[in-house]
C-alpha cells in the first residue's frame, strides 16, 4: 500500500530478496513516525534502545517514533520476508524504501530527514 493511497497516513511495504542478500542492516537510527515490523518468514534481529531481540516467523515488533532502532539480517541470502508498516508515512519514507526493494541499498541523497 502506497502512502499516496492514504494521504501519507500509512505505508505498508514487503521486503524483497535483494534486501537480504547481505548480512547486517542500516545503522541504528531514529525517526518521528511509528514503525511496525512483522516477520512473515525467516529469522532476524531487531535492535531497539540498545537491546537486540531475536525475531522469527509470526513475530511482530512495535517501534514508537523517536526510538533508536534498526533491523539486522543475520545471514547471507536470507530467504526471510518482513512487512514494515509506517504511521504516519511522509512521501520521503516511501521513496526511501523503493531502492532498497529494487537494489538492496539506499542512495544517501534520498535518506529522509532525521534518519
Protein backbone atom coordinates (compact mmCIF):
# COMPACT_ATOMS: atom_id res chain seq x y z
CA UNK A 1 0.00 0.00 0.00
CA UNK A 2 1.43 3.33 -1.05
CA UNK A 3 1.45 6.30 1.29
CA UNK A 4 -0.27 8.17 -1.56
CA UNK A 5 -3.27 5.84 -1.16
CA UNK A 6 -3.69 7.02 2.42
CA UNK A 7 -2.81 10.71 2.20
CA UNK A 8 0.58 9.90 3.81
CA UNK A 9 -1.13 8.41 6.87
CA UNK A 10 0.10 4.83 6.34
CA UNK A 11 2.68 2.86 4.33
CA UNK A 12 2.91 -0.94 4.18
CA UNK A 13 5.94 -2.47 2.43
CA UNK A 14 7.08 -6.05 1.97
CA UNK A 15 10.83 -6.65 1.68
CA UNK A 16 12.17 -8.35 -1.43
CA UNK A 17 15.02 -10.90 -1.59
CA UNK A 18 17.57 -8.25 -2.69
CA UNK A 19 17.23 -6.55 0.68
CA UNK A 20 18.64 -9.59 2.49
CA UNK A 21 21.41 -10.58 0.09
CA UNK A 22 24.00 -9.28 2.57
CA UNK A 23 24.33 -9.59 6.33
CA UNK A 24 23.70 -6.56 8.51
CA UNK A 25 21.32 -3.68 8.12
CA UNK A 26 21.09 0.08 8.35
CA UNK A 27 22.84 1.76 11.25
CA UNK A 28 20.70 2.39 14.33
CA UNK A 29 18.52 5.41 13.62
CA UNK A 30 15.59 7.45 14.89
CA UNK A 31 12.62 8.80 13.00
CA UNK A 32 9.44 10.55 14.03
CA UNK A 33 6.93 8.00 12.78
CA UNK A 34 5.86 4.77 14.48
CA UNK A 35 7.05 1.57 12.82
CA UNK A 36 5.72 -1.97 12.98
CA UNK A 37 7.75 -4.91 11.67
CA UNK A 38 6.01 -8.23 11.03
CA UNK A 39 8.21 -11.26 10.36
CA UNK A 40 6.47 -13.22 7.61
CA UNK A 41 9.21 -15.84 7.40
CA UNK A 42 12.78 -16.40 8.49
CA UNK A 43 14.75 -15.05 11.43
CA UNK A 44 16.06 -11.54 12.03
CA UNK A 45 17.39 -9.34 14.82
CA UNK A 46 15.66 -6.11 15.79
CA UNK A 47 17.75 -3.67 17.80
CA UNK A 48 15.72 -1.28 19.98
CA UNK A 49 17.13 1.14 22.56
CA UNK A 50 20.40 -0.77 22.93
CA UNK A 51 18.89 -4.27 23.14
CA UNK A 52 18.84 -6.99 20.48
CA UNK A 53 15.73 -9.10 20.03
CA UNK A 54 15.77 -12.31 18.00
CA UNK A 55 12.56 -12.41 15.99
CA UNK A 56 11.18 -15.11 13.73
CA UNK A 57 8.18 -16.08 11.63
CA UNK A 58 4.96 -14.76 13.16
CA UNK A 59 6.58 -12.20 15.47
CA UNK A 60 5.57 -8.53 15.42
CA UNK A 61 7.65 -5.63 16.72
CA UNK A 62 6.29 -2.15 17.51
CA UNK A 63 8.80 0.72 17.47
CA UNK A 64 7.42 4.05 18.70
CA UNK A 65 8.54 7.18 16.87
CA UNK A 66 11.61 8.73 18.49
CA UNK A 67 13.10 5.34 19.47
CA UNK A 68 16.60 4.38 18.29
CA UNK A 69 16.40 1.10 16.37
CA UNK A 70 17.38 -0.98 13.36
CA UNK A 71 16.65 -4.38 11.87
CA UNK A 72 19.50 -6.76 11.17
CA UNK A 73 19.80 -9.62 8.72
CA UNK A 74 21.92 -12.28 10.49
CA UNK A 75 22.75 -14.40 7.39
CA UNK A 76 23.82 -14.01 3.76
CA UNK A 77 20.98 -14.57 1.26
CA UNK A 78 18.36 -14.73 3.98
CA UNK A 79 15.22 -16.27 2.47
CA UNK A 80 13.07 -14.47 5.05
CA UNK A 81 10.48 -11.79 4.44
CA UNK A 82 9.49 -8.75 6.51
CA UNK A 83 6.49 -6.47 6.25
CA UNK A 84 7.11 -2.97 7.54
CA UNK A 85 4.30 -0.58 8.44
CA UNK A 86 4.86 3.16 8.96
CA UNK A 87 2.37 5.50 10.54
CA UNK A 88 2.32 8.35 9.51
CA UNK A 89 4.24 7.90 6.25
CA UNK A 90 5.54 11.08 4.59
CA UNK A 91 6.44 10.82 0.90
CA UNK A 92 10.15 10.56 1.62
CA UNK A 93 9.58 7.35 3.59
CA UNK A 94 8.23 5.52 0.54
CA UNK A 95 10.96 6.97 -1.69
CA UNK A 96 13.49 5.61 0.82
CA UNK A 97 12.22 2.03 0.51
CA UNK A 98 11.87 1.82 -3.28
CA UNK A 99 15.64 1.46 -4.00
CA UNK A 100 16.04 -0.94 -1.07
CA UNK A 101 13.39 -3.18 -2.60
CA UNK A 102 14.89 -2.92 -6.09
CA UNK A 103 18.63 -2.89 -5.42
CA UNK A 104 19.21 -3.79 -1.78
CA UNK A 105 20.83 -0.45 -0.87
CA UNK A 106 19.97 3.18 -0.25
CA UNK A 107 21.38 6.22 -2.06
CA UNK A 108 22.35 8.71 0.66
CA UNK A 109 20.63 11.55 -1.22
CA UNK A 110 17.18 10.13 -0.50
CA UNK A 111 17.50 9.33 3.20
CA UNK A 112 14.61 11.14 4.94
CA UNK A 113 15.38 14.00 7.35
CA UNK A 114 16.10 12.74 10.85
CA UNK A 115 17.17 9.22 9.74
